[in-house]
Amino acid sequence: MQDKRKAYEEKLEAQYEEWNAQIALLKAKADKAKAEAKIEYYKNIEALQHKHEEAGTKLHELKIAGDEAWEDVKTGAEKAWDEVKTAYHHVASKFK
């Protein structure tokens, strides 16, 4: 169980770091936008960052959870991950 748990946590950690990079790319694209669009882009990016931070909190909770609580925390983390993924795709689609 410990190996499976560790692998799962590492997978989430890698995805979290990937989102950091993707958010940075979105910010770079927003910086190049015209003033009106830039405001809208940054508003969307800010909402995405908020979801990202919530996912980071869930990841931390997952790492420190005891064996008894781990499955429950995992469920919450998966929900947070889905929300970040949805928010990312929503924001990224506005840049196309």
Protein backbone atom coordinates (compact mmCIF):
# COMPACT_ATOMS: atom_id res chain seq x y z
CA MET A 1 0.00 0.00 0.00
CA GLN A 2 2.81 2.41 0.85
CA ASP A 3 4.41 2.00 -2.59
CA LYS A 4 1.08 2.61 -4.31
CA ARG A 5 0.45 5.66 -2.11
CA LYS A 6 3.91 7.07 -2.78
CA ALA A 7 3.55 6.56 -6.53
CA TYR A 8 0.16 8.26 -6.51
CA GLU A 9 1.52 11.24 -4.54
CA GLU A 10 4.48 11.53 -6.92
CA LYS A 11 2.12 11.49 -9.90
CA LEU A 12 0.07 14.32 -8.41
CA GLU A 13 3.22 16.26 -7.55
CA ALA A 14 4.43 15.99 -11.15
CA GLN A 15 1.06 17.15 -12.47
CA TYR A 16 1.06 20.06 -10.00
CA GLU A 17 4.47 21.17 -11.27
CA GLU A 18 3.32 20.79 -14.88
CA TRP A 19 0.41 23.13 -14.13
CA ASN A 20 2.86 25.65 -12.70
CA ALA A 21 4.64 25.65 -16.05
CA GLN A 22 1.38 25.85 -18.01
CA ILE A 23 0.14 28.79 -15.93
CA ALA A 24 3.44 30.57 -16.57
CA LEU A 25 2.96 30.05 -20.31
CA LEU A 26 -0.57 31.44 -20.12
CA LYS A 27 0.75 34.50 -18.29
CA ALA A 28 3.37 35.01 -20.99
CA LYS A 29 0.67 34.86 -23.66
CA ALA A 30 -1.51 37.27 -21.67
CA ASP A 31 1.40 39.71 -21.43
CA LYS A 32 1.50 39.87 -25.23
CA ALA A 33 -2.23 40.52 -25.57
CA LYS A 34 -3.81 43.89 -26.14
CA ALA A 35 -4.88 45.84 -23.05
CA GLU A 36 -8.59 44.88 -23.14
CA ALA A 37 -7.89 41.21 -23.68
CA LYS A 38 -5.09 41.23 -21.12
CA ILE A 39 -7.51 42.19 -18.33
CA GLU A 40 -9.84 39.32 -19.21
CA TYR A 41 -6.97 36.85 -19.55
CA TYR A 42 -5.54 37.76 -16.17
CA LYS A 43 -8.94 37.47 -14.53
CA ASN A 44 -9.23 33.93 -15.87
CA ILE A 45 -5.64 33.08 -14.94
CA GLU A 46 -6.24 34.34 -11.41
CA ALA A 47 -9.23 31.99 -11.05
CA LEU A 48 -7.08 29.15 -12.39
CA GLN A 49 -4.31 29.96 -9.92
CA HIS A 50 -6.81 29.86 -7.07
CA LYS A 51 -7.88 26.34 -8.12
CA HIS A 52 -4.22 25.41 -8.48
CA GLU A 53 -3.47 26.59 -4.94
CA GLU A 54 -6.43 24.59 -3.61
CA ALA A 55 -5.04 21.51 -5.36
CA GLY A 56 -1.66 22.17 -3.75
CA THR A 57 -3.33 22.28 -0.35
CA LYS A 58 -5.04 18.96 -1.06
CA LEU A 59 -1.73 17.47 -2.16
CA HIS A 60 -0.15 18.57 1.11
CA GLU A 61 -3.07 17.08 3.06
CA LEU A 62 -2.68 13.85 1.13
CA LYS A 63 1.00 13.61 1.97
CA ILE A 64 0.46 14.10 5.71
CA ALA A 65 -2.73 12.03 6.03
CA GLY A 66 -2.62 8.92 8.14
CA ASP A 67 -3.37 5.57 6.56
CA GLU A 68 -6.95 5.62 7.86
CA ALA A 69 -7.77 9.03 6.38
CA TRP A 70 -5.73 8.71 3.19
CA GLU A 71 -8.52 7.34 0.99
CA ASP A 72 -10.88 10.13 2.05
CA VAL A 73 -8.24 12.78 1.43
CA LYS A 74 -7.44 11.13 -1.91
CA THR A 75 -11.06 11.61 -2.98
CA GLY A 76 -10.86 15.31 -2.14
CA ALA A 77 -7.56 15.63 -3.97
CA GLU A 78 -9.00 13.99 -7.08
CA LYS A 79 -11.90 16.44 -7.03
CA ALA A 80 -9.49 19.37 -6.74
CA TRP A 81 -7.41 17.95 -9.61
CA ASP A 82 -10.48 17.68 -11.82
CA GLU A 83 -11.38 21.29 -11.03
CA VAL A 84 -7.90 22.50 -11.97
CA LYS A 85 -7.94 20.48 -15.18
CA THR A 86 -11.34 21.88 -16.15
CA ALA A 87 -10.31 25.44 -15.28
CA TYR A 88 -7.04 25.07 -17.21
CA HIS A 89 -8.80 23.85 -20.34
CA HIS A 90 -11.33 26.68 -20.01
CA VAL A 91 -8.62 29.33 -19.73
CA ALA A 92 -6.37 27.78 -22.39
CA SER A 93 -9.27 27.71 -24.87
CA LYS A 94 -9.58 31.50 -24.56
CA PHE A 95 -6.04 31.90 -25.88
CA LYS A 96 -6.72 30.11 -29.15
